[in-house]
Structures are given as structure tokens and as C-alpha cells.
Amino acid sequence: MAGKIQHIIHNCKEATHLSLQKEERALSIKETFQLRLHLMYCDACKQFIKQSAIINKAMLQIKDAILQHPPQKLSQEVKDNIQQQLNDLP
């Protein structure tokens, strides 16, 4: 029984690794087949892939928002003023 669990865990690790690789590059035919076969019976990995896609989409939206509206930087004068106020605290 422990051998079966280790085999499933190994397969899940490989499947999640392949799903992440799929976002970076095209998988080989063998890798695609292995991933699809695993996903036929593993709901946990299917859920991981769905959640990963949601996270990636959100990160791309954040990246786009930052590029469109870069964060504002404080001038040196304002920084010095804040530092002086902090130094004056009791």
C-alpha cells in the first residue's frame, strides 16, 4: 500500500512539474501524454492547474497595471523631511 501512495505522490509531483513547464515551453509528445493520462484520474492536480492559471492571470494583470502606472517615488526633500520628523520624536 505504501508503494502505491509513493507512486501516486511521485506522479503528482511530476504532473505539477509538467504543468508548470507547459507554461514556459511546449511539452514533448511524451510529456503531454503523461500529463493528460495523469489528469484523467487525479482531481487534485486538475485543481492545482486551475489555481495556477488563476494566479498567473492575476500576476500578469498586476504586471500590466504596474507598467501602465509605475509607483510614485518620494523626492529626496520629502524623504529628508520624514527622516527629520522621525528623529524629532521623543
Protein backbone atom coordinates (compact mmCIF):
# COMPACT_ATOMS: atom_id res chain seq x y z
CA MET A 1 0.00 0.00 0.00
CA ALA A 2 2.80 2.44 0.88
CA GLY A 3 4.37 1.77 -2.51
CA LYS A 4 1.16 2.78 -4.27
CA ILE A 5 0.95 6.01 -2.28
CA GLN A 6 4.57 6.86 -3.08
CA HIS A 7 3.90 6.14 -6.76
CA ILE A 8 0.85 8.44 -6.75
CA ILE A 9 2.77 11.18 -4.94
CA HIS A 10 5.64 10.86 -7.41
CA ASN A 11 3.18 11.05 -10.30
CA CYS A 12 1.54 14.15 -8.80
CA LYS A 13 4.90 15.84 -8.37
CA GLU A 14 5.79 15.03 -11.96
CA ALA A 15 2.37 16.18 -13.20
CA THR A 16 2.57 19.52 -11.39
CA HIS A 17 6.12 19.95 -12.66
CA LEU A 18 4.97 19.28 -16.22
CA SER A 19 2.02 21.64 -15.86
CA LEU A 20 4.37 24.42 -14.76
CA GLN A 21 6.78 23.60 -17.57
CA LYS A 22 3.87 23.81 -20.01
CA GLU A 23 3.53 27.49 -19.11
CA GLU A 24 7.19 28.06 -20.04
CA ARG A 25 7.61 25.87 -23.10
CA ALA A 26 5.87 23.38 -25.36
CA LEU A 27 5.83 19.90 -23.88
CA SER A 28 7.06 16.93 -25.84
CA ILE A 29 4.50 14.43 -27.10
CA LYS A 30 5.55 12.02 -24.35
CA GLU A 31 5.23 14.70 -21.65
CA THR A 32 1.83 15.79 -22.96
CA PHE A 33 0.62 12.19 -22.94
CA GLN A 34 1.92 11.62 -19.39
CA LEU A 35 0.24 14.76 -18.12
CA ARG A 36 -3.08 14.04 -19.82
CA LEU A 37 -3.08 10.46 -18.57
CA HIS A 38 -2.42 11.59 -15.01
CA LEU A 39 -5.12 14.26 -15.18
CA MET A 40 -7.68 11.68 -16.24
CA TYR A 41 -7.71 10.30 -12.69
CA CYS A 42 -6.24 12.99 -10.45
CA ASP A 43 -8.63 15.74 -9.37
CA ALA A 44 -6.03 17.30 -7.07
CA CYS A 45 -3.67 18.00 -9.97
CA LYS A 46 -6.53 19.33 -12.10
CA GLN A 47 -7.35 21.73 -9.27
CA PHE A 48 -3.67 22.73 -8.97
CA ILE A 49 -3.55 23.57 -12.67
CA LYS A 50 -6.74 25.65 -12.45
CA GLN A 51 -5.43 27.56 -9.42
CA SER A 52 -2.05 28.07 -11.06
CA ALA A 53 -3.75 29.55 -14.13
CA ILE A 54 -5.74 31.95 -11.94
CA ILE A 55 -2.57 33.06 -10.12
CA ASN A 56 -0.69 33.54 -13.39
CA LYS A 57 -3.51 35.60 -14.86
CA ALA A 58 -3.65 37.79 -11.76
CA MET A 59 0.12 38.30 -11.80
CA LEU A 60 0.03 39.34 -15.46
CA GLN A 61 -2.71 41.85 -14.65
CA ILE A 62 -0.66 43.25 -11.77
CA LYS A 63 2.42 43.47 -14.01
CA ASP A 64 0.42 45.32 -16.68
CA ALA A 65 -1.03 47.71 -14.09
CA ILE A 66 2.42 48.49 -12.70
CA LEU A 67 3.83 49.08 -16.16
CA GLN A 68 0.96 51.41 -17.04
CA HIS A 69 1.13 53.29 -13.72
CA PRO A 70 4.58 53.00 -12.19
CA PRO A 71 4.76 53.52 -8.44
CA GLN A 72 5.45 57.07 -7.36
CA LYS A 73 8.77 57.85 -5.72
CA LEU A 74 9.30 60.39 -2.99
CA SER A 75 11.66 63.24 -3.67
CA GLN A 76 14.82 63.45 -1.60
CA GLU A 77 13.43 66.56 0.08
CA VAL A 78 10.31 64.72 1.24
CA LYS A 79 12.42 61.76 2.42
CA ASP A 80 14.66 64.10 4.41
CA ASN A 81 11.62 65.79 5.92
CA ILE A 82 10.16 62.46 7.03
CA GLN A 83 13.51 61.40 8.47
CA GLN A 84 13.79 64.68 10.39
CA GLN A 85 10.30 64.21 11.83
CA LEU A 86 11.22 60.67 12.91
CA ASN A 87 14.43 61.94 14.50
CA ASP A 88 12.45 64.59 16.43
CA LEU A 89 10.16 62.01 18.03
CA PRO A 90 10.68 61.58 21.76
